[in-house]
Amino acid sequence: MPDLLAAIKNNFEGEGEERLRQMLINKAPKYGNDDDYADSIAREISQYWTTEITKRTSPATGRRYRAGYLSWNYWISYAKPTAATPDGRKRAQFLSNGICPVNGADTKGPTAATLSVGKLGLETAPNGDSHTISFSPSLLRDGERIEKLMSFLRTYNEKGGTALQINVIDSDTLKRAQQHPEEYKNLMVRVTGYNTYFVAIGREIQDEIISRIAKEL
């Protein structure tokens, strides 16, 4: 088995390193699946940096920093210079958005992702957090399914979530909007901490939203 540090440095492109990368992606436990081991690591990291950052002040304003998980578009723009990571992500691939799991890592559904978020202990992040989940319109086609969504939202609040944002759309619609933007001028999506018209944002953000939705549905 290739050395992990060497594989990361090589962007998983050395001999035999793709096999290692697939094992990291598909076999290693991931935050977002209600896995206590993975979630405990996420909590430890979250608690450490959010606590440490509040001890410091801005040299420009003298005001104390407030920790939070509001990504805006940084999980896209900062991805390009970020090297490969131990979870199997290659250089320049999208990072995680806010407190969301990495795209495609949450394989056990929105309830498991919600339980993972609840374990972070967000009381140490007073500046808020952003958690975006996508649902297919077909999952909300009748009263029974809408009631299930309402139960899910209540559970999210009870488990400590603070800023859940939901897209109800399918990736095929978004792809058509890319191809025919003049027909979808009123199509709005939740990006992270804000809504925007899908056809008005850059292609890179559009592609990330499509990728996110395709993996979540």
N, C-alpha and C. Protein backbone atom coordinates (compact mmCIF):
# COMPACT_ATOMS: atom_id res chain seq x y z
N MET A 1 0.85 -1.20 0.00
CA MET A 1 0.00 0.00 0.00
C MET A 1 0.88 1.25 0.00
N PRO A 2 0.62 2.20 -0.88
CA PRO A 2 1.43 3.43 -0.95
C PRO A 2 1.37 4.21 0.37
N ASP A 3 2.43 4.96 0.64
CA ASP A 3 2.47 5.82 1.81
C ASP A 3 1.47 6.96 1.66
N LEU A 4 0.67 7.20 2.69
CA LEU A 4 -0.40 8.20 2.60
C LEU A 4 0.14 9.60 2.37
N LEU A 5 1.15 10.01 3.13
CA LEU A 5 1.69 11.36 2.98
C LEU A 5 2.27 11.57 1.58
N ALA A 6 2.95 10.55 1.08
CA ALA A 6 3.50 10.65 -0.27
C ALA A 6 2.38 10.74 -1.29
N ALA A 7 1.32 9.97 -1.08
CA ALA A 7 0.19 9.99 -2.01
C ALA A 7 -0.48 11.35 -2.04
N ILE A 8 -0.62 11.97 -0.88
CA ILE A 8 -1.22 13.31 -0.81
C ILE A 8 -0.34 14.31 -1.56
N LYS A 9 0.96 14.21 -1.32
CA LYS A 9 1.90 15.11 -2.00
C LYS A 9 1.84 14.92 -3.51
N ASN A 10 1.61 13.68 -3.95
CA ASN A 10 1.54 13.36 -5.38
C ASN A 10 0.16 13.59 -5.97
N ASN A 11 -0.76 14.12 -5.14
CA ASN A 11 -2.15 14.32 -5.59
C ASN A 11 -2.80 12.99 -6.00
N PHE A 12 -2.38 11.91 -5.35
CA PHE A 12 -2.89 10.56 -5.59
C PHE A 12 -2.69 10.12 -7.05
N GLU A 13 -1.64 10.60 -7.67
CA GLU A 13 -1.41 10.27 -9.07
C GLU A 13 -0.19 9.37 -9.28
N GLY A 14 0.43 8.93 -8.17
CA GLY A 14 1.56 8.02 -8.28
C GLY A 14 1.10 6.58 -8.49
N GLU A 15 2.04 5.71 -8.66
CA GLU A 15 1.72 4.30 -8.94
C GLU A 15 0.95 3.67 -7.78
N GLY A 16 -0.20 3.10 -8.06
CA GLY A 16 -1.00 2.43 -7.06
C GLY A 16 -1.78 3.34 -6.14
N GLU A 17 -1.65 4.67 -6.30
CA GLU A 17 -2.26 5.59 -5.35
C GLU A 17 -3.75 5.82 -5.58
N GLU A 18 -4.25 5.54 -6.77
CA GLU A 18 -5.68 5.67 -7.02
C GLU A 18 -6.46 4.64 -6.20
N ARG A 19 -5.90 3.46 -6.06
CA ARG A 19 -6.54 2.43 -5.24
C ARG A 19 -6.64 2.90 -3.79
N LEU A 20 -5.57 3.50 -3.29
CA LEU A 20 -5.58 4.05 -1.93
C LEU A 20 -6.63 5.14 -1.82
N ARG A 21 -6.70 6.00 -2.82
CA ARG A 21 -7.68 7.10 -2.79
C ARG A 21 -9.10 6.56 -2.73
N GLN A 22 -9.40 5.54 -3.52
CA GLN A 22 -10.74 4.97 -3.51
C GLN A 22 -11.07 4.33 -2.16
N MET A 23 -10.07 3.74 -1.53
CA MET A 23 -10.29 3.17 -0.21
C MET A 23 -10.61 4.27 0.80
N LEU A 24 -9.88 5.39 0.72
CA LEU A 24 -10.14 6.51 1.62
C LEU A 24 -11.53 7.09 1.41
N ILE A 25 -11.96 7.16 0.16
CA ILE A 25 -13.27 7.73 -0.15
C ILE A 25 -14.39 6.80 0.28
N ASN A 26 -14.25 5.50 0.01
CA ASN A 26 -15.37 4.57 0.14
C ASN A 26 -15.36 3.73 1.41
N LYS A 27 -14.21 3.60 2.06
CA LYS A 27 -14.11 2.71 3.22
C LYS A 27 -13.94 3.44 4.54
N ALA A 28 -13.24 4.55 4.53
CA ALA A 28 -12.97 5.27 5.77
C ALA A 28 -14.24 5.92 6.30
N PRO A 29 -14.46 5.92 7.62
CA PRO A 29 -15.65 6.57 8.19
C PRO A 29 -15.64 8.06 7.91
N LYS A 30 -16.82 8.63 7.68
CA LYS A 30 -16.93 10.03 7.29
C LYS A 30 -17.94 10.77 8.18
N TYR A 31 -17.60 12.00 8.51
CA TYR A 31 -18.54 12.91 9.15
C TYR A 31 -19.76 13.09 8.25
N GLY A 32 -20.94 13.07 8.85
CA GLY A 32 -22.16 13.24 8.08
C GLY A 32 -23.00 11.99 7.99
N ASN A 33 -22.55 10.90 8.63
CA ASN A 33 -23.25 9.62 8.57
C ASN A 33 -23.64 9.10 9.94
N ASP A 34 -23.67 9.98 10.94
CA ASP A 34 -23.99 9.59 12.31
C ASP A 34 -23.04 8.49 12.79
N ASP A 35 -21.79 8.61 12.41
CA ASP A 35 -20.75 7.68 12.84
C ASP A 35 -20.03 8.33 14.02
N ASP A 36 -20.15 7.73 15.20
CA ASP A 36 -19.62 8.36 16.40
C ASP A 36 -18.12 8.62 16.33
N TYR A 37 -17.38 7.71 15.72
CA TYR A 37 -15.94 7.88 15.64
C TYR A 37 -15.58 9.09 14.77
N ALA A 38 -16.13 9.12 13.55
CA ALA A 38 -15.84 10.24 12.66
C ALA A 38 -16.36 11.55 13.24
N ASP A 39 -17.55 11.52 13.82
CA ASP A 39 -18.14 12.74 14.36
C ASP A 39 -17.37 13.25 15.57
N SER A 40 -16.77 12.34 16.35
CA SER A 40 -15.98 12.77 17.51
C SER A 40 -14.73 13.54 17.07
N ILE A 41 -14.15 13.12 15.95
CA ILE A 41 -13.00 13.84 15.41
C ILE A 41 -13.42 15.22 14.93
N ALA A 42 -14.56 15.27 14.22
CA ALA A 42 -15.08 16.56 13.75
C ALA A 42 -15.36 17.49 14.93
N ARG A 43 -15.94 16.94 15.99
CA ARG A 43 -16.25 17.76 17.16
C ARG A 43 -14.97 18.28 17.82
N GLU A 44 -13.97 17.41 17.96
CA GLU A 44 -12.72 17.83 18.58
C GLU A 44 -12.08 18.98 17.81
N ILE A 45 -12.04 18.85 16.50
CA ILE A 45 -11.45 19.91 15.68
C ILE A 45 -12.28 21.19 15.77
N SER A 46 -13.61 21.03 15.69
CA SER A 46 -14.49 22.19 15.75
C SER A 46 -14.37 22.92 17.08
N GLN A 47 -14.40 22.17 18.17
CA GLN A 47 -14.32 22.78 19.49
C GLN A 47 -12.97 23.49 19.68
N TYR A 48 -11.92 22.89 19.16
CA TYR A 48 -10.59 23.49 19.34
C TYR A 48 -10.48 24.83 18.63
N TRP A 49 -10.79 24.84 17.32
CA TRP A 49 -10.54 26.09 16.58
C TRP A 49 -11.52 27.19 16.97
N THR A 50 -12.78 26.82 17.25
CA THR A 50 -13.75 27.86 17.62
C THR A 50 -13.44 28.45 18.99
N THR A 51 -12.89 27.64 19.88
CA THR A 51 -12.51 28.15 21.20
C THR A 51 -11.26 29.02 21.11
N GLU A 52 -10.27 28.56 20.33
CA GLU A 52 -9.03 29.29 20.23
C GLU A 52 -9.20 30.64 19.52
N ILE A 53 -10.04 30.66 18.49
CA ILE A 53 -10.19 31.89 17.71
C ILE A 53 -10.82 33.00 18.54
N THR A 54 -11.69 32.64 19.49
CA THR A 54 -12.35 33.67 20.30
C THR A 54 -11.40 34.27 21.33
N LYS A 55 -10.23 33.69 21.49
CA LYS A 55 -9.23 34.25 22.41
C LYS A 55 -8.43 35.37 21.75
N ARG A 56 -8.61 35.55 20.46
CA ARG A 56 -7.77 36.47 19.70
C ARG A 56 -8.57 37.66 19.19
N THR A 57 -7.84 38.73 18.91
CA THR A 57 -8.49 39.95 18.42
C THR A 57 -7.90 40.34 17.07
N SER A 58 -8.69 41.08 16.31
CA SER A 58 -8.26 41.53 15.00
C SER A 58 -7.22 42.65 15.15
N PRO A 59 -6.07 42.54 14.48
CA PRO A 59 -5.08 43.63 14.55
C PRO A 59 -5.57 44.90 13.89
N ALA A 60 -6.56 44.78 13.00
CA ALA A 60 -7.07 45.96 12.30
C ALA A 60 -8.07 46.74 13.14
N THR A 61 -8.94 46.03 13.86
CA THR A 61 -10.02 46.70 14.60
C THR A 61 -9.89 46.58 16.11
N GLY A 62 -9.10 45.60 16.57
CA GLY A 62 -8.99 45.37 18.01
C GLY A 62 -10.15 44.60 18.58
N ARG A 63 -11.09 44.21 17.74
CA ARG A 63 -12.26 43.48 18.21
C ARG A 63 -11.98 41.98 18.23
N ARG A 64 -12.66 41.31 19.14
CA ARG A 64 -12.47 39.88 19.28
C ARG A 64 -13.13 39.13 18.13
N TYR A 65 -12.45 38.10 17.65
CA TYR A 65 -13.02 37.27 16.58
C TYR A 65 -14.17 36.44 17.12
N ARG A 66 -15.12 36.16 16.25
CA ARG A 66 -16.25 35.28 16.57
C ARG A 66 -16.25 34.12 15.58
N ALA A 67 -16.15 32.92 16.07
CA ALA A 67 -16.09 31.75 15.20
C ALA A 67 -17.46 31.47 14.59
N GLY A 68 -17.45 30.92 13.39
CA GLY A 68 -18.70 30.55 12.74
C GLY A 68 -18.42 29.72 11.50
N TYR A 69 -19.48 29.15 10.95
CA TYR A 69 -19.38 28.31 9.75
C TYR A 69 -20.24 28.91 8.63
N LEU A 70 -19.85 30.07 8.17
CA LEU A 70 -20.55 30.72 7.07
C LEU A 70 -19.59 30.81 5.90
N SER A 71 -19.69 29.87 4.97
CA SER A 71 -18.65 29.69 3.95
C SER A 71 -18.71 30.73 2.83
N TRP A 72 -19.89 31.30 2.61
CA TRP A 72 -20.10 32.11 1.41
C TRP A 72 -19.64 31.32 0.20
N ASN A 73 -18.64 31.77 -0.54
CA ASN A 73 -18.17 30.99 -1.70
C ASN A 73 -16.75 30.46 -1.50
N TYR A 74 -16.27 30.50 -0.26
CA TYR A 74 -14.87 30.16 -0.04
C TYR A 74 -14.57 28.68 -0.26
N TRP A 75 -15.58 27.81 -0.07
CA TRP A 75 -15.31 26.39 -0.28
C TRP A 75 -15.05 26.09 -1.75
N ILE A 76 -15.37 27.04 -2.62
CA ILE A 76 -15.06 26.89 -4.04
C ILE A 76 -13.75 27.60 -4.37
N SER A 77 -13.64 28.88 -4.00
CA SER A 77 -12.45 29.66 -4.37
C SER A 77 -11.19 29.18 -3.66
N TYR A 78 -11.32 28.73 -2.40
CA TYR A 78 -10.15 28.26 -1.67
C TYR A 78 -9.77 26.83 -2.05
N ALA A 79 -10.65 26.15 -2.76
CA ALA A 79 -10.36 24.76 -3.15
C ALA A 79 -9.20 24.69 -4.13
N LYS A 80 -9.10 25.67 -5.01
CA LYS A 80 -8.07 25.62 -6.06
C LYS A 80 -6.65 25.55 -5.50
N PRO A 81 -6.29 26.38 -4.52
CA PRO A 81 -4.92 26.30 -4.01
C PRO A 81 -4.73 25.25 -2.92
N THR A 82 -5.80 24.58 -2.51
CA THR A 82 -5.69 23.61 -1.42
C THR A 82 -5.24 22.26 -1.95
N ALA A 83 -4.17 21.74 -1.38
CA ALA A 83 -3.61 20.46 -1.83
C ALA A 83 -4.57 19.32 -1.55
N ALA A 84 -4.23 18.14 -2.05
CA ALA A 84 -5.01 16.94 -1.77
C ALA A 84 -5.12 16.73 -0.26
N THR A 85 -6.17 16.06 0.18
CA THR A 85 -6.42 15.86 1.60
C THR A 85 -6.59 14.37 1.92
N PRO A 86 -6.43 13.98 3.18
CA PRO A 86 -6.42 12.56 3.55
C PRO A 86 -7.73 11.82 3.34
N ASP A 87 -8.81 12.53 3.03
CA ASP A 87 -10.08 11.84 2.77
C ASP A 87 -10.20 11.36 1.33
N GLY A 88 -9.16 11.56 0.53
CA GLY A 88 -9.19 11.13 -0.86
C GLY A 88 -9.51 12.23 -1.84
N ARG A 89 -9.75 13.43 -1.32
CA ARG A 89 -10.02 14.57 -2.19
C ARG A 89 -8.74 14.99 -2.91
N LYS A 90 -8.84 15.22 -4.22
CA LYS A 90 -7.69 15.68 -4.99
C LYS A 90 -7.57 17.21 -4.93
N ARG A 91 -6.40 17.69 -5.28
CA ARG A 91 -6.14 19.13 -5.32
C ARG A 91 -7.18 19.84 -6.18
N ALA A 92 -7.71 20.94 -5.69
CA ALA A 92 -8.65 21.83 -6.38
C ALA A 92 -10.09 21.33 -6.38
N GLN A 93 -10.34 20.11 -5.91
CA GLN A 93 -11.73 19.68 -5.80
C GLN A 93 -12.41 20.44 -4.68
N PHE A 94 -13.75 20.60 -4.78
CA PHE A 94 -14.49 21.42 -3.83
C PHE A 94 -14.26 20.96 -2.39
N LEU A 95 -14.20 21.94 -1.48
CA LEU A 95 -14.14 21.67 -0.06
C LEU A 95 -15.57 21.52 0.46
N SER A 96 -15.73 21.30 1.75
CA SER A 96 -17.08 21.22 2.31
C SER A 96 -17.64 22.63 2.51
N ASN A 97 -18.93 22.75 2.43
CA ASN A 97 -19.62 24.03 2.51
C ASN A 97 -20.19 24.22 3.91
N GLY A 98 -19.68 25.21 4.65
CA GLY A 98 -20.18 25.45 6.00
C GLY A 98 -19.97 24.23 6.88
N ILE A 99 -21.02 23.79 7.55
CA ILE A 99 -20.93 22.59 8.38
C ILE A 99 -21.41 21.35 7.63
N CYS A 100 -21.62 21.48 6.33
CA CYS A 100 -22.04 20.34 5.53
C CYS A 100 -20.92 19.30 5.44
N PRO A 101 -21.29 18.03 5.33
CA PRO A 101 -20.28 17.04 4.97
C PRO A 101 -19.75 17.34 3.57
N VAL A 102 -18.61 16.78 3.23
CA VAL A 102 -18.09 16.89 1.88
C VAL A 102 -19.09 16.29 0.90
N ASN A 103 -19.24 16.90 -0.27
CA ASN A 103 -20.18 16.38 -1.27
C ASN A 103 -19.98 14.89 -1.49
N GLY A 104 -21.06 14.13 -1.32
CA GLY A 104 -21.00 12.69 -1.56
C GLY A 104 -20.57 11.86 -0.37
N ALA A 105 -20.07 12.51 0.70
CA ALA A 105 -19.60 11.75 1.86
C ALA A 105 -20.74 11.27 2.74
N ASP A 106 -21.85 12.02 2.76
CA ASP A 106 -23.00 11.65 3.59
C ASP A 106 -23.88 10.68 2.81
N THR A 107 -23.63 9.39 3.00
CA THR A 107 -24.29 8.36 2.21
C THR A 107 -25.51 7.75 2.90
N LYS A 108 -25.82 8.20 4.11
CA LYS A 108 -26.92 7.59 4.87
C LYS A 108 -28.12 8.51 5.03
N GLY A 109 -28.19 9.57 4.23
CA GLY A 109 -29.37 10.40 4.21
C GLY A 109 -29.32 11.61 5.12
N PRO A 110 -30.32 12.49 4.99
CA PRO A 110 -30.31 13.77 5.72
C PRO A 110 -30.44 13.62 7.23
N THR A 111 -31.14 12.58 7.71
CA THR A 111 -31.27 12.42 9.16
C THR A 111 -29.92 12.12 9.79
N ALA A 112 -29.15 11.24 9.17
CA ALA A 112 -27.82 10.93 9.69
C ALA A 112 -26.92 12.16 9.65
N ALA A 113 -27.00 12.94 8.57
CA ALA A 113 -26.21 14.17 8.47
C ALA A 113 -26.59 15.14 9.58
N THR A 114 -27.89 15.24 9.86
CA THR A 114 -28.37 16.12 10.92
C THR A 114 -27.82 15.71 12.28
N LEU A 115 -27.82 14.41 12.56
CA LEU A 115 -27.31 13.92 13.84
C LEU A 115 -25.82 14.20 13.97
N SER A 116 -25.08 14.11 12.88
CA SER A 116 -23.66 14.44 12.91
C SER A 116 -23.45 15.92 13.22
N VAL A 117 -24.23 16.77 12.59
CA VAL A 117 -24.12 18.21 12.84
C VAL A 117 -24.41 18.51 14.31
N GLY A 118 -25.40 17.82 14.88
CA GLY A 118 -25.76 18.06 16.27
C GLY A 118 -24.66 17.71 17.25
N LYS A 119 -23.73 16.87 16.85
CA LYS A 119 -22.64 16.46 17.74
C LYS A 119 -21.48 17.46 17.76
N LEU A 120 -21.48 18.43 16.86
CA LEU A 120 -20.36 19.36 16.79
C LEU A 120 -20.24 20.25 18.02
N GLY A 121 -21.37 20.55 18.65
CA GLY A 121 -21.33 21.47 19.78
C GLY A 121 -21.17 22.90 19.31
N LEU A 122 -22.17 23.39 18.59
CA LEU A 122 -22.06 24.69 17.93
C LEU A 122 -22.21 25.87 18.88
N GLU A 123 -22.35 25.60 20.18
CA GLU A 123 -22.40 26.71 21.14
C GLU A 123 -21.08 27.47 21.17
N THR A 124 -20.02 26.88 20.66
CA THR A 124 -18.73 27.57 20.62
C THR A 124 -18.53 28.32 19.30
N ALA A 125 -19.55 28.33 18.45
CA ALA A 125 -19.48 29.05 17.17
C ALA A 125 -20.60 30.09 17.13
N PRO A 126 -20.47 31.17 17.89
CA PRO A 126 -21.57 32.14 18.02
C PRO A 126 -21.88 32.93 16.76
N ASN A 127 -21.00 32.86 15.77
CA ASN A 127 -21.27 33.61 14.54
C ASN A 127 -22.17 32.85 13.57
N GLY A 128 -22.69 31.71 14.01
CA GLY A 128 -23.65 30.97 13.21
C GLY A 128 -23.02 29.92 12.32
N ASP A 129 -23.88 29.18 11.66
CA ASP A 129 -23.41 28.12 10.77
C ASP A 129 -24.37 28.00 9.60
N SER A 130 -23.88 27.39 8.54
CA SER A 130 -24.67 27.23 7.32
C SER A 130 -24.69 25.76 6.93
N HIS A 131 -25.89 25.20 6.83
CA HIS A 131 -26.04 23.79 6.45
C HIS A 131 -27.10 23.71 5.35
N THR A 132 -26.67 23.35 4.14
CA THR A 132 -27.56 23.30 2.99
C THR A 132 -27.81 21.86 2.58
N ILE A 133 -29.09 21.51 2.45
CA ILE A 133 -29.50 20.16 2.04
C ILE A 133 -30.45 20.28 0.85
N SER A 134 -30.36 19.34 -0.07
CA SER A 134 -31.21 19.35 -1.26
C SER A 134 -32.15 18.16 -1.26
N PHE A 135 -33.40 18.42 -1.63
CA PHE A 135 -34.41 17.37 -1.76
C PHE A 135 -34.98 17.40 -3.18
N SER A 136 -35.28 16.23 -3.69
CA SER A 136 -35.95 16.15 -4.98
C SER A 136 -37.42 16.54 -4.82
N PRO A 137 -37.99 17.27 -5.79
CA PRO A 137 -39.42 17.59 -5.73
C PRO A 137 -40.29 16.35 -5.59
N SER A 138 -39.85 15.22 -6.13
CA SER A 138 -40.65 14.00 -6.06
C SER A 138 -40.80 13.48 -4.63
N LEU A 139 -39.88 13.86 -3.76
CA LEU A 139 -39.96 13.42 -2.38
C LEU A 139 -40.98 14.20 -1.56
N LEU A 140 -41.53 15.26 -2.14
CA LEU A 140 -42.49 16.11 -1.43
C LEU A 140 -43.81 16.18 -2.20
N ARG A 141 -44.17 15.10 -2.87
CA ARG A 141 -45.31 15.17 -3.78
C ARG A 141 -46.66 14.98 -3.12
N ASP A 142 -46.71 14.62 -1.84
CA ASP A 142 -48.02 14.46 -1.20
C ASP A 142 -47.92 14.85 0.28
N GLY A 143 -49.08 14.86 0.94
CA GLY A 143 -49.14 15.30 2.32
C GLY A 143 -48.32 14.48 3.28
N GLU A 144 -48.26 13.18 3.04
CA GLU A 144 -47.49 12.31 3.93
C GLU A 144 -46.01 12.66 3.90
N ARG A 145 -45.51 12.90 2.71
CA ARG A 145 -44.08 13.23 2.58
C ARG A 145 -43.78 14.63 3.10
N ILE A 146 -44.72 15.54 2.94
CA ILE A 146 -44.54 16.88 3.50
C ILE A 146 -44.50 16.81 5.03
N GLU A 147 -45.34 15.96 5.61
CA GLU A 147 -45.34 15.78 7.06
C GLU A 147 -44.00 15.22 7.53
N LYS A 148 -43.41 14.32 6.74
CA LYS A 148 -42.10 13.78 7.09
C LYS A 148 -41.03 14.88 7.06
N LEU A 149 -41.14 15.78 6.09
CA LEU A 149 -40.21 16.90 6.04
C LEU A 149 -40.37 17.79 7.27
N MET A 150 -41.60 18.04 7.67
CA MET A 150 -41.84 18.86 8.86
C MET A 150 -41.23 18.20 10.11
N SER A 151 -41.36 16.89 10.20
CA SER A 151 -40.77 16.16 11.33
C SER A 151 -39.25 16.27 11.30
N PHE A 152 -38.71 16.19 10.11
CA PHE A 152 -37.26 16.32 9.96
C PHE A 152 -36.79 17.69 10.42
N LEU A 153 -37.52 18.74 10.05
CA LEU A 153 -37.14 20.10 10.45
C LEU A 153 -37.22 20.28 11.96
N ARG A 154 -38.25 19.70 12.59
CA ARG A 154 -38.36 19.79 14.04
C ARG A 154 -37.18 19.08 14.71
N THR A 155 -36.82 17.91 14.18
CA THR A 155 -35.70 17.15 14.74
C THR A 155 -34.40 17.92 14.59
N TYR A 156 -34.23 18.56 13.45
CA TYR A 156 -33.01 19.33 13.22
C TYR A 156 -32.84 20.40 14.30
N ASN A 157 -33.91 21.09 14.62
CA ASN A 157 -33.86 22.13 15.63
C ASN A 157 -33.57 21.53 17.01
N GLU A 158 -34.21 20.40 17.32
CA GLU A 158 -34.03 19.77 18.62
C GLU A 158 -32.60 19.26 18.82
N LYS A 159 -31.93 18.88 17.72
CA LYS A 159 -30.59 18.33 17.81
C LYS A 159 -29.49 19.40 17.79
N GLY A 160 -29.88 20.65 17.77
CA GLY A 160 -28.89 21.71 17.90
C GLY A 160 -28.52 22.43 16.63
N GLY A 161 -29.18 22.13 15.51
CA GLY A 161 -28.90 22.86 14.28
C GLY A 161 -29.41 24.29 14.37
N THR A 162 -28.80 25.20 13.63
CA THR A 162 -29.19 26.60 13.74
C THR A 162 -29.54 27.26 12.42
N ALA A 163 -29.02 26.77 11.32
CA ALA A 163 -29.25 27.48 10.05
C ALA A 163 -29.34 26.47 8.91
N LEU A 164 -30.43 25.75 8.86
CA LEU A 164 -30.64 24.78 7.79
C LEU A 164 -31.26 25.47 6.59
N GLN A 165 -30.69 25.22 5.40
CA GLN A 165 -31.19 25.82 4.17
C GLN A 165 -31.48 24.70 3.18
N ILE A 166 -32.65 24.75 2.57
CA ILE A 166 -33.11 23.63 1.75
C ILE A 166 -33.34 24.06 0.32
N ASN A 167 -32.81 23.26 -0.60
CA ASN A 167 -33.15 23.37 -2.01
C ASN A 167 -34.10 22.23 -2.36
N VAL A 168 -35.21 22.55 -3.02
CA VAL A 168 -36.11 21.52 -3.52
C VAL A 168 -36.07 21.62 -5.04
N ILE A 169 -35.16 20.85 -5.63
CA ILE A 169 -34.93 20.95 -7.07
C ILE A 169 -34.14 19.73 -7.51
N ASP A 170 -34.13 19.47 -8.80
CA ASP A 170 -33.36 18.34 -9.31
C ASP A 170 -32.25 18.84 -10.23
N SER A 171 -31.21 18.01 -10.36
CA SER A 171 -30.04 18.43 -11.13
C SER A 171 -30.36 18.59 -12.61
N ASP A 172 -31.32 17.84 -13.13
CA ASP A 172 -31.67 17.97 -14.55
C ASP A 172 -32.20 19.37 -14.86
N THR A 173 -33.00 19.91 -13.95
CA THR A 173 -33.52 21.27 -14.14
C THR A 173 -32.38 22.28 -14.17
N LEU A 174 -31.42 22.11 -13.29
CA LEU A 174 -30.29 23.04 -13.25
C LEU A 174 -29.44 22.93 -14.51
N LYS A 175 -29.27 21.73 -15.02
CA LYS A 175 -28.50 21.56 -16.26
C LYS A 175 -29.21 22.22 -17.43
N ARG A 176 -30.54 22.11 -17.46
CA ARG A 176 -31.30 22.79 -18.53
C ARG A 176 -31.17 24.30 -18.40
N ALA A 177 -31.13 24.78 -17.16
CA ALA A 177 -30.98 26.23 -16.94
C ALA A 177 -29.63 26.72 -17.42
N GLN A 178 -28.60 25.90 -17.29
CA GLN A 178 -27.30 26.26 -17.83
C GLN A 178 -27.34 26.38 -19.35
N GLN A 179 -28.06 25.47 -19.97
CA GLN A 179 -28.11 25.43 -21.43
C GLN A 179 -29.04 26.50 -22.01
N HIS A 180 -30.11 26.83 -21.27
CA HIS A 180 -31.10 27.79 -21.76
C HIS A 180 -31.41 28.82 -20.66
N PRO A 181 -30.44 29.64 -20.28
CA PRO A 181 -30.65 30.57 -19.17
C PRO A 181 -31.81 31.55 -19.38
N GLU A 182 -32.10 31.87 -20.64
CA GLU A 182 -33.19 32.81 -20.90
C GLU A 182 -34.55 32.25 -20.48
N GLU A 183 -34.66 30.94 -20.33
CA GLU A 183 -35.92 30.31 -19.94
C GLU A 183 -36.03 30.11 -18.43
N TYR A 184 -34.96 30.41 -17.69
CA TYR A 184 -34.94 30.12 -16.25
C TYR A 184 -34.48 31.34 -15.45
N LYS A 185 -34.87 32.52 -15.88
CA LYS A 185 -34.41 33.73 -15.22
C LYS A 185 -34.92 33.87 -13.79
N ASN A 186 -36.04 33.20 -13.47
CA ASN A 186 -36.62 33.32 -12.13
C ASN A 186 -36.26 32.14 -11.21
N LEU A 187 -35.36 31.26 -11.66
CA LEU A 187 -34.97 30.10 -10.86
C LEU A 187 -34.00 30.51 -9.77
N MET A 188 -34.41 30.33 -8.51
CA MET A 188 -33.56 30.69 -7.39
C MET A 188 -33.07 29.44 -6.68
N VAL A 189 -31.85 29.52 -6.15
CA VAL A 189 -31.27 28.42 -5.40
C VAL A 189 -30.65 28.96 -4.12
N ARG A 190 -30.54 28.08 -3.16
CA ARG A 190 -29.83 28.41 -1.93
C ARG A 190 -28.39 27.98 -2.11
N VAL A 191 -27.46 28.91 -2.07
CA VAL A 191 -26.05 28.59 -2.30
C VAL A 191 -25.41 28.17 -0.98
N THR A 192 -25.43 29.04 -0.01
CA THR A 192 -24.98 28.72 1.34
C THR A 192 -25.75 29.63 2.29
N GLY A 193 -25.21 30.77 2.66
CA GLY A 193 -25.95 31.67 3.54
C GLY A 193 -26.83 32.65 2.78
N TYR A 194 -27.07 32.41 1.53
CA TYR A 194 -27.85 33.36 0.75
C TYR A 194 -28.55 32.67 -0.43
N ASN A 195 -29.63 33.29 -0.90
CA ASN A 195 -30.32 32.87 -2.12
C ASN A 195 -29.82 33.70 -3.29
N THR A 196 -29.90 33.14 -4.47
CA THR A 196 -29.56 33.92 -5.66
C THR A 196 -30.20 33.28 -6.88
N TYR A 197 -30.28 34.05 -7.96
CA TYR A 197 -30.78 33.50 -9.22
C TYR A 197 -29.71 32.60 -9.82
N PHE A 198 -30.09 31.39 -10.15
CA PHE A 198 -29.13 30.40 -10.62
C PHE A 198 -28.39 30.86 -11.87
N VAL A 199 -29.10 31.46 -12.80
CA VAL A 199 -28.46 31.82 -14.08
C VAL A 199 -27.55 33.04 -13.93
N ALA A 200 -27.60 33.71 -12.77
CA ALA A 200 -26.80 34.92 -12.59
C ALA A 200 -25.46 34.64 -11.92
N ILE A 201 -25.25 33.43 -11.42
CA ILE A 201 -23.98 33.12 -10.75
C ILE A 201 -23.01 32.51 -11.75
N GLY A 202 -21.76 32.47 -11.39
CA GLY A 202 -20.74 31.95 -12.29
C GLY A 202 -20.89 30.46 -12.54
N ARG A 203 -20.31 30.01 -13.64
CA ARG A 203 -20.41 28.61 -14.04
C ARG A 203 -19.82 27.68 -12.97
N GLU A 204 -18.76 28.10 -12.33
CA GLU A 204 -18.12 27.25 -11.34
C GLU A 204 -19.05 26.97 -10.17
N ILE A 205 -19.75 28.00 -9.68
CA ILE A 205 -20.69 27.80 -8.58
C ILE A 205 -21.88 26.97 -9.06
N GLN A 206 -22.33 27.22 -10.28
CA GLN A 206 -23.41 26.41 -10.84
C GLN A 206 -23.04 24.93 -10.85
N ASP A 207 -21.83 24.63 -11.30
CA ASP A 207 -21.40 23.24 -11.38
C ASP A 207 -21.32 22.61 -10.00
N GLU A 208 -20.88 23.38 -9.00
CA GLU A 208 -20.80 22.84 -7.65
C GLU A 208 -22.18 22.52 -7.11
N ILE A 209 -23.16 23.39 -7.35
CA ILE A 209 -24.52 23.15 -6.88
C ILE A 209 -25.11 21.91 -7.55
N ILE A 210 -24.87 21.77 -8.85
CA ILE A 210 -25.36 20.59 -9.56
C ILE A 210 -24.71 19.33 -9.00
N SER A 211 -23.41 19.38 -8.76
CA SER A 211 -22.71 18.23 -8.20
C SER A 211 -23.24 17.90 -6.81
N ARG A 212 -23.48 18.93 -6.00
CA ARG A 212 -23.99 18.74 -4.65
C ARG A 212 -25.35 18.08 -4.67
N ILE A 213 -26.24 18.59 -5.51
CA ILE A 213 -27.61 18.07 -5.54
C ILE A 213 -27.63 16.65 -6.10
N ALA A 214 -26.84 16.40 -7.12
CA ALA A 214 -26.82 15.07 -7.74
C ALA A 214 -26.38 14.01 -6.73
N LYS A 215 -25.49 14.38 -5.80
CA LYS A 215 -25.00 13.42 -4.82
C LYS A 215 -25.90 13.31 -3.60
N GLU A 216 -26.69 14.35 -3.32
CA GLU A 216 -27.54 14.32 -2.13
C GLU A 216 -28.86 13.61 -2.38
N LEU A 217 -29.36 13.67 -3.61
CA LEU A 217 -30.69 13.14 -3.87
C LEU A 217 -30.70 11.63 -3.86
